[in-house]
Amino acid sequence: MRMLFMVTSMLVAVPTGVKAFGWTATIWKSKLHLETPMLFAMGGAAMFLLGGVTGVMLAAVPFDIHVHNTYFIVGHFHYIVFNTITMAIFAAIYFWFPKITGRMYAEGWGKVHFWLTFIGANLTFFPMLPLGLQGMVRRISSYDPRYQGWNILASLGGFLLGVSVLPFIANIVGSLLYGQRASNNPWLATGLEWTTTSPPPRDNFEEIPVVKRPPYDYGDPKYSVIEPHDYHQQEN
């Protein structure tokens, strides 16, 4: 059964690889606008890939025997769960904030929040990988002095993660009170939700919108690149 579980665990990497390929193909040769939502999305995807690589390593029984029940497991888990989900949530908050509230957030503070979160997350959870390789077991209240260096780095990263929440809270509260009015489509996005007002009315649309383009038209010659934008906007 050990061989069966090893092979099936490794096969989990196949759909993960397909997802990563899909993400890369979607933005391939595109003109990226590195606003805060995109930074969080790309940062989360990058850390998800690192978590996926460590997952394939753990699927190999000869390797897993040595790192089982160590901090390598903790590092892998947090790269997959905490880093990816947290970055995705923040990306969604910044992306939908103008539509929900009718106000724009402060882009500069949003990027400060991203870099503090990205650096703090990696500084917190990456040291757990070498700690696991060195044999530090998880679920203990104290550790051998030889593990102190990596643990200090992880602690500093944890404090940095905590500090990173402060500019986020200040940005959201300040933008709600004093932020600039958001246009209906501040991202020049193509979805129907961006054709209504920001914030939307009670029934989302004051009148039934007219769909003038399909939702998935990648590669369709009818929707080729035009100037000044690299896509056709959905128009109401």
Protein backbone atom coordinates (compact mmCIF):
# COMPACT_ATOMS: atom_id res chain seq x y z
CA MET A 1 0.00 0.00 0.00
CA ARG A 2 2.92 2.34 0.59
CA MET A 3 3.78 2.37 -3.11
CA LEU A 4 0.13 2.95 -4.04
CA PHE A 5 -0.18 5.92 -1.71
CA MET A 6 3.11 7.36 -2.97
CA VAL A 7 2.05 7.17 -6.62
CA THR A 8 -1.44 8.55 -6.03
CA SER A 9 -0.04 11.39 -3.89
CA MET A 10 2.37 12.31 -6.67
CA LEU A 11 -0.49 12.30 -9.18
CA VAL A 12 -2.00 15.21 -7.26
CA ALA A 13 0.74 17.29 -8.87
CA VAL A 14 -0.86 16.75 -12.31
CA PRO A 15 -3.96 18.95 -11.82
CA THR A 16 -1.79 21.39 -9.88
CA GLY A 17 0.55 21.63 -12.85
CA VAL A 18 -2.41 22.16 -15.15
CA LYS A 19 -3.58 25.05 -12.96
CA ALA A 20 -0.12 26.63 -12.97
CA PHE A 21 0.10 26.23 -16.75
CA GLY A 22 -3.34 27.79 -17.13
CA TRP A 23 -2.37 30.79 -15.01
CA THR A 24 0.84 31.27 -16.98
CA ALA A 25 -0.85 30.86 -20.35
CA THR A 26 -3.54 33.38 -19.39
CA ILE A 27 -1.03 36.16 -18.77
CA TRP A 28 1.49 35.05 -21.42
CA LYS A 29 2.45 37.99 -23.67
CA SER A 30 -0.15 40.15 -21.96
CA LYS A 31 0.26 43.68 -20.69
CA LEU A 32 0.16 43.29 -16.92
CA HIS A 33 -0.91 46.16 -14.72
CA LEU A 34 0.76 45.57 -11.38
CA GLU A 35 -1.79 47.18 -9.13
CA THR A 36 -2.31 45.78 -5.65
CA PRO A 37 -4.85 43.04 -6.60
CA MET A 38 -2.52 41.64 -9.27
CA LEU A 39 0.47 41.72 -6.90
CA PHE A 40 -1.41 39.71 -4.30
CA ALA A 41 -2.67 37.26 -6.93
CA MET A 42 0.78 36.67 -8.42
CA GLY A 43 2.43 36.50 -5.00
CA GLY A 44 -0.08 33.91 -3.84
CA ALA A 45 0.41 31.86 -7.00
CA ALA A 46 4.19 31.90 -6.58
CA MET A 47 3.99 30.68 -2.98
CA PHE A 48 1.41 28.07 -3.98
CA LEU A 49 3.91 26.64 -6.46
CA LEU A 50 6.59 26.40 -3.77
CA GLY A 51 4.10 24.63 -1.54
CA GLY A 52 3.27 22.28 -4.40
CA VAL A 53 6.92 21.39 -4.95
CA THR A 54 7.37 20.53 -1.28
CA GLY A 55 4.19 18.45 -1.51
CA VAL A 56 5.66 16.31 -4.27
CA MET A 57 8.76 15.86 -2.12
CA LEU A 58 6.62 14.65 0.77
CA ALA A 59 4.82 12.21 -1.51
CA ALA A 60 8.09 10.31 -2.01
CA VAL A 61 8.24 7.71 0.76
CA PRO A 62 12.07 7.62 1.04
CA PHE A 63 12.07 11.37 1.68
CA ASP A 64 8.93 11.45 3.83
CA ILE A 65 10.37 8.87 6.24
CA HIS A 66 13.04 11.39 7.26
CA VAL A 67 10.87 14.51 7.53
CA HIS A 68 7.61 13.02 8.80
CA ASN A 69 6.31 14.83 11.90
CA THR A 70 8.90 17.59 11.50
CA TYR A 71 8.58 21.29 10.78
CA PHE A 72 8.95 20.53 7.08
CA ILE A 73 5.31 19.40 7.20
CA VAL A 74 4.31 22.65 8.92
CA GLY A 75 6.14 24.76 6.35
CA HIS A 76 4.58 22.89 3.43
CA PHE A 77 1.09 23.15 4.92
CA HIS A 78 1.31 26.89 5.52
CA TYR A 79 2.70 27.60 2.04
CA ILE A 80 -0.29 25.79 0.56
CA VAL A 81 -3.02 26.98 2.94
CA PHE A 82 -2.08 30.18 4.76
CA ASN A 83 0.02 31.92 2.12
CA THR A 84 -2.18 31.07 -0.84
CA ILE A 85 -5.57 31.67 0.77
CA THR A 86 -4.50 34.84 2.59
CA MET A 87 -3.04 36.38 -0.56
CA ALA A 88 -6.14 35.43 -2.56
CA ILE A 89 -8.45 37.00 0.04
CA PHE A 90 -6.51 40.26 0.03
CA ALA A 91 -6.44 40.29 -3.78
CA ALA A 92 -10.22 39.90 -3.83
CA ILE A 93 -10.74 42.62 -1.20
CA TYR A 94 -8.67 45.17 -3.12
CA PHE A 95 -10.23 44.16 -6.46
CA TRP A 96 -13.84 44.41 -5.32
CA PHE A 97 -13.43 47.31 -2.86
CA PRO A 98 -14.19 50.05 -5.44
CA LYS A 99 -17.30 48.26 -6.72
CA ILE A 100 -18.67 47.47 -3.26
CA THR A 101 -17.96 50.83 -1.61
CA GLY A 102 -17.79 53.29 -4.48
CA ARG A 103 -14.41 54.49 -3.18
CA MET A 104 -10.86 53.86 -4.38
CA TYR A 105 -8.26 52.68 -1.91
CA ALA A 106 -4.80 54.26 -1.66
CA GLU A 107 -2.65 52.33 -4.15
CA GLY A 108 0.62 53.23 -2.45
CA TRP A 109 -0.49 51.88 0.91
CA GLY A 110 -1.88 48.81 -0.81
CA LYS A 111 1.55 48.01 -2.21
CA VAL A 112 3.15 48.61 1.19
CA HIS A 113 0.67 46.09 2.60
CA PHE A 114 1.54 43.59 -0.13
CA TRP A 115 5.29 43.73 0.35
CA LEU A 116 5.06 43.52 4.13
CA THR A 117 2.73 40.52 3.82
CA PHE A 118 4.77 38.78 1.12
CA ILE A 119 8.10 39.23 2.90
CA GLY A 120 6.61 38.42 6.30
CA ALA A 121 4.93 35.24 5.07
CA ASN A 122 8.09 33.91 3.44
CA LEU A 123 10.22 34.92 6.40
CA THR A 124 7.83 33.09 8.72
CA PHE A 125 7.27 29.84 6.89
CA PHE A 126 10.36 29.25 4.73
CA PRO A 127 12.64 28.68 7.77
CA MET A 128 10.37 25.79 8.75
CA LEU A 129 11.55 23.83 5.71
CA PRO A 130 15.26 23.72 6.65
CA LEU A 131 14.27 23.22 10.29
CA GLY A 132 12.41 20.09 9.25
CA LEU A 133 15.34 18.90 7.17
CA GLN A 134 17.55 19.33 10.24
CA GLY A 135 15.17 17.16 12.28
CA MET A 136 13.22 19.62 14.41
CA VAL A 137 9.95 17.89 15.26
CA ARG A 138 6.65 19.75 15.37
CA ARG A 139 4.25 20.20 18.30
CA ILE A 140 6.88 20.93 20.92
CA SER A 141 7.09 23.79 23.42
CA SER A 142 10.89 24.12 23.33
CA TYR A 143 13.68 23.21 20.95
CA ASP A 144 17.38 22.46 20.87
CA PRO A 145 19.65 25.56 20.74
CA ARG A 146 20.99 24.52 17.33
CA TYR A 147 17.61 25.39 15.83
CA GLN A 148 17.57 28.89 17.28
CA GLY A 149 18.72 30.80 14.20
CA TRP A 150 15.92 29.67 11.90
CA ASN A 151 13.36 30.07 14.69
CA ILE A 152 14.42 33.67 15.28
CA LEU A 153 13.88 34.40 11.58
CA ALA A 154 10.45 32.76 11.72
CA SER A 155 9.54 34.83 14.78
CA LEU A 156 10.63 38.04 13.07
CA GLY A 157 8.52 37.08 10.07
CA GLY A 158 5.53 36.50 12.34
CA PHE A 159 5.90 39.97 13.85
CA LEU A 160 6.20 41.43 10.35
CA LEU A 161 2.99 39.66 9.33
CA GLY A 162 1.24 41.23 12.31
CA VAL A 163 2.55 44.69 11.43
CA SER A 164 1.44 44.23 7.82
CA VAL A 165 -2.21 44.30 8.91
CA LEU A 166 -1.89 47.89 10.18
CA PRO A 167 -1.51 49.63 6.79
CA PHE A 168 -4.32 47.43 5.46
CA ILE A 169 -6.73 48.54 8.20
CA ALA A 170 -5.66 52.18 7.89
CA ASN A 171 -6.04 52.04 4.12
CA ILE A 172 -9.51 50.49 4.19
CA VAL A 173 -10.88 52.76 6.92
CA GLY A 174 -9.28 55.88 5.47
CA SER A 175 -10.50 55.07 1.97
CA LEU A 176 -14.04 54.45 3.19
CA LEU A 177 -14.06 57.89 4.82
CA TYR A 178 -11.92 60.00 2.50
CA GLY A 179 -11.16 57.91 -0.60
CA GLN A 180 -11.68 59.22 -4.11
CA ARG A 181 -14.91 58.31 -5.84
CA ALA A 182 -14.51 55.14 -7.88
CA SER A 183 -15.66 55.02 -11.48
CA ASN A 184 -17.98 52.26 -12.64
CA ASN A 185 -15.03 50.35 -14.12
CA PRO A 186 -11.75 51.44 -12.51
CA TRP A 187 -9.91 48.30 -13.72
CA LEU A 188 -11.17 48.54 -17.33
CA ALA A 189 -12.44 45.01 -16.77
CA THR A 190 -14.71 43.11 -19.13
CA GLY A 191 -17.33 41.55 -16.82
CA LEU A 192 -20.93 42.69 -16.70
CA GLU A 193 -20.63 43.69 -13.05
CA TRP A 194 -18.37 46.56 -14.10
CA THR A 195 -21.07 48.09 -16.31
CA THR A 196 -23.22 49.06 -13.33
CA THR A 197 -22.59 51.85 -10.85
CA SER A 198 -20.15 51.73 -7.94
CA PRO A 199 -21.66 50.82 -5.54
CA PRO A 200 -24.39 49.00 -7.48
CA PRO A 201 -28.08 49.79 -6.97
CA ARG A 202 -30.41 47.56 -5.02
CA ASP A 203 -31.08 45.16 -7.91
CA ASN A 204 -27.51 45.44 -9.29
CA PHE A 205 -28.66 46.88 -12.63
CA GLU A 206 -31.12 49.70 -13.22
CA GLU A 207 -31.96 48.06 -16.55
CA ILE A 208 -31.15 44.73 -18.16
CA PRO A 209 -27.59 44.97 -19.55
CA VAL A 210 -26.86 44.10 -23.17
CA VAL A 211 -24.12 41.51 -23.57
CA LYS A 212 -21.83 42.54 -26.42
CA ARG A 213 -19.06 39.99 -26.03
CA PRO A 214 -18.64 36.42 -24.76
CA PRO A 215 -17.05 35.90 -21.34
CA TYR A 216 -14.24 33.66 -22.66
CA ASP A 217 -13.01 35.08 -25.93
CA TYR A 218 -9.29 34.47 -25.55
CA GLY A 219 -7.71 34.01 -28.95
CA ASP A 220 -10.90 34.93 -30.86
CA PRO A 221 -9.88 37.02 -33.92
CA LYS A 222 -13.04 39.13 -33.55
CA TYR A 223 -11.67 40.42 -30.25
CA SER A 224 -8.07 41.01 -31.23
CA VAL A 225 -5.79 43.59 -29.65
CA ILE A 226 -6.79 47.16 -30.29
CA GLU A 227 -5.51 50.52 -29.17
CA PRO A 228 -5.48 52.18 -26.72
CA HIS A 229 -6.51 49.10 -24.72
CA ASP A 230 -5.41 45.50 -25.14
CA TYR A 231 -9.00 44.21 -25.03
CA HIS A 232 -12.57 45.19 -25.85
CA GLN A 233 -14.54 46.34 -22.86
CA GLN A 234 -17.97 45.01 -22.08
CA GLU A 235 -20.35 47.86 -22.75
CA ASN A 236 -23.80 48.41 -21.41
